[in-house]
Structure formats: structure tokens, C-alpha cells
Amino acid sequence: MLSGIALTPRSGVIKLNIDATILKQNGKTCIDVVARASRGNLVANWSTSWLGCFDGKLSETLAIRFSFVQAQKKSWRSIQEESDVLNVISKLQ
């Protein structure tokens, strides 16, 4: 993201916007993934939740893994991920 404007992926790439939310009052970790094509159109979206409150890094790591599994089910070979935790993504590259 640059200056509050979400950048679209290059042609042929699916962008996965990944977010994990920790709901301490409910004792859950929730994950949302939005997949968009190069023109910004919505291709798919998924949500899931787990019982248990994990720290931010673990929650985002689980969210990234969840998004990769969903992309694999769709047979997408070229994806770009966007997440809140840069250091988690850096370690996965």
C-alpha cells in the first residue's frame, strides 16, 4: 500500500489481502482473505476462525498459511500476498 492507495497486482497475478483478528473476549482468532485480480475485481474471499487467542505474529502466520491453502485449492500459481506483519512475510520469502 502506498499513501493509503492499494496497488493492484500485475496481469495474471492474484493478490491475497490477508488479515487476522484476535477476539480476546470471545477467545477466538479470526482470519479473512480477499483475492483480487489485476483489475481489482474480486475473485474470491474466505473467512475462518479458531478457538484460542494467539499472538499477532502467529495469527498472521496462520492467516498466510490459510490463504496459501485456499489458493492451492483454486490451482492459482501466481499470487501476491499482502499482510499487516511485514516481518512474518519477510521470513516466508
Protein backbone atom coordinates (compact mmCIF):
# COMPACT_ATOMS: atom_id res chain seq x y z
CA MET A 1 0.00 0.00 0.00
CA LEU A 2 1.31 3.43 -0.89
CA SER A 3 -0.17 6.64 0.55
CA GLY A 4 -3.35 4.79 1.52
CA ILE A 5 -3.93 3.52 -2.02
CA ALA A 6 -3.97 -0.25 -2.53
CA LEU A 7 -1.86 -1.25 -5.51
CA THR A 8 -3.19 -3.91 -7.86
CA PRO A 9 -1.02 -6.86 -8.91
CA ARG A 10 0.43 -7.21 -12.40
CA SER A 11 -1.57 -9.05 -15.04
CA GLY A 12 -2.03 -12.77 -14.37
CA VAL A 13 -1.33 -12.43 -10.63
CA ILE A 14 -3.92 -12.87 -7.89
CA LYS A 15 -3.43 -10.60 -4.88
CA LEU A 16 -4.37 -12.03 -1.50
CA ASN A 17 -5.14 -9.44 1.17
CA ILE A 18 -4.81 -11.28 4.46
CA ASP A 19 -5.97 -10.18 7.91
CA ALA A 20 -6.06 -11.87 11.30
CA THR A 21 -8.07 -10.51 14.21
CA ILE A 22 -7.73 -11.63 17.80
CA LEU A 23 -11.03 -11.53 19.72
CA LYS A 24 -9.91 -11.93 23.32
CA GLN A 25 -13.43 -11.51 24.72
CA ASN A 26 -14.61 -14.49 22.61
CA GLY A 27 -11.40 -16.46 22.90
CA LYS A 28 -11.07 -16.69 19.10
CA THR A 29 -8.69 -15.82 16.32
CA CYS A 30 -10.49 -14.86 13.08
CA ILE A 31 -8.97 -14.83 9.60
CA ASP A 32 -10.21 -13.07 6.47
CA VAL A 33 -8.74 -13.32 2.98
CA VAL A 34 -9.79 -11.30 -0.07
CA ALA A 35 -8.46 -12.32 -3.50
CA ARG A 36 -8.39 -9.76 -6.33
CA ALA A 37 -7.26 -9.91 -9.95
CA SER A 38 -5.07 -7.32 -11.68
CA ARG A 39 -8.00 -5.02 -12.45
CA GLY A 40 -9.02 -5.03 -8.80
CA ASN A 41 -12.07 -7.22 -9.31
CA LEU A 42 -12.99 -9.63 -6.52
CA VAL A 43 -12.08 -13.21 -7.40
CA ALA A 44 -12.78 -14.95 -4.07
CA ASN A 45 -12.96 -14.38 -0.34
CA TRP A 46 -12.68 -16.70 2.64
CA SER A 47 -13.10 -16.47 6.40
CA THR A 48 -12.39 -18.87 9.21
CA SER A 49 -11.84 -18.80 12.95
CA TRP A 50 -10.10 -20.86 15.59
CA LEU A 51 -10.70 -21.19 19.30
CA GLY A 52 -7.75 -19.67 21.08
CA CYS A 53 -6.09 -16.29 21.18
CA PHE A 54 -2.67 -16.33 19.60
CA ASP A 55 -0.12 -13.52 19.44
CA GLY A 56 -0.10 -11.24 16.39
CA LYS A 57 2.80 -12.93 14.58
CA LEU A 58 1.35 -16.42 14.99
CA SER A 59 -2.13 -15.25 13.98
CA GLU A 60 -0.81 -13.62 10.80
CA THR A 61 1.32 -16.70 10.04
CA LEU A 62 -1.77 -18.92 10.36
CA ALA A 63 -3.68 -16.48 8.14
CA ILE A 64 -0.98 -16.59 5.46
CA ARG A 65 -0.92 -20.40 5.56
CA PHE A 66 -4.74 -20.48 5.30
CA SER A 67 -4.61 -18.17 2.26
CA PHE A 68 -1.96 -20.34 0.56
CA VAL A 69 -4.08 -23.46 1.10
CA GLN A 70 -7.12 -21.72 -0.43
CA ALA A 71 -5.05 -20.50 -3.41
CA GLN A 72 -3.71 -24.03 -3.92
CA LYS A 73 -7.27 -25.41 -3.96
CA LYS A 74 -8.01 -22.92 -6.76
CA SER A 75 -4.82 -24.03 -8.59
CA TRP A 76 -3.53 -20.46 -8.62
CA ARG A 77 0.19 -20.48 -9.38
CA SER A 78 0.99 -16.78 -9.33
CA ILE A 79 -0.07 -14.99 -6.17
CA GLN A 80 0.98 -11.90 -4.26
CA GLU A 81 0.25 -11.60 -0.56
CA GLU A 82 -0.42 -8.51 1.50
CA SER A 83 -0.47 -8.74 5.28
CA ASP A 84 -0.10 -6.48 8.30
CA VAL A 85 3.00 -8.19 9.66
CA LEU A 86 5.97 -7.44 7.38
CA ASN A 87 8.48 -9.44 9.43
CA VAL A 88 6.38 -12.62 9.05
CA ILE A 89 6.23 -12.22 5.26
CA SER A 90 9.97 -11.45 5.10
CA LYS A 91 10.78 -14.74 6.83
CA LEU A 92 8.49 -16.68 4.45
CA GLN A 93 10.19 -15.35 1.29
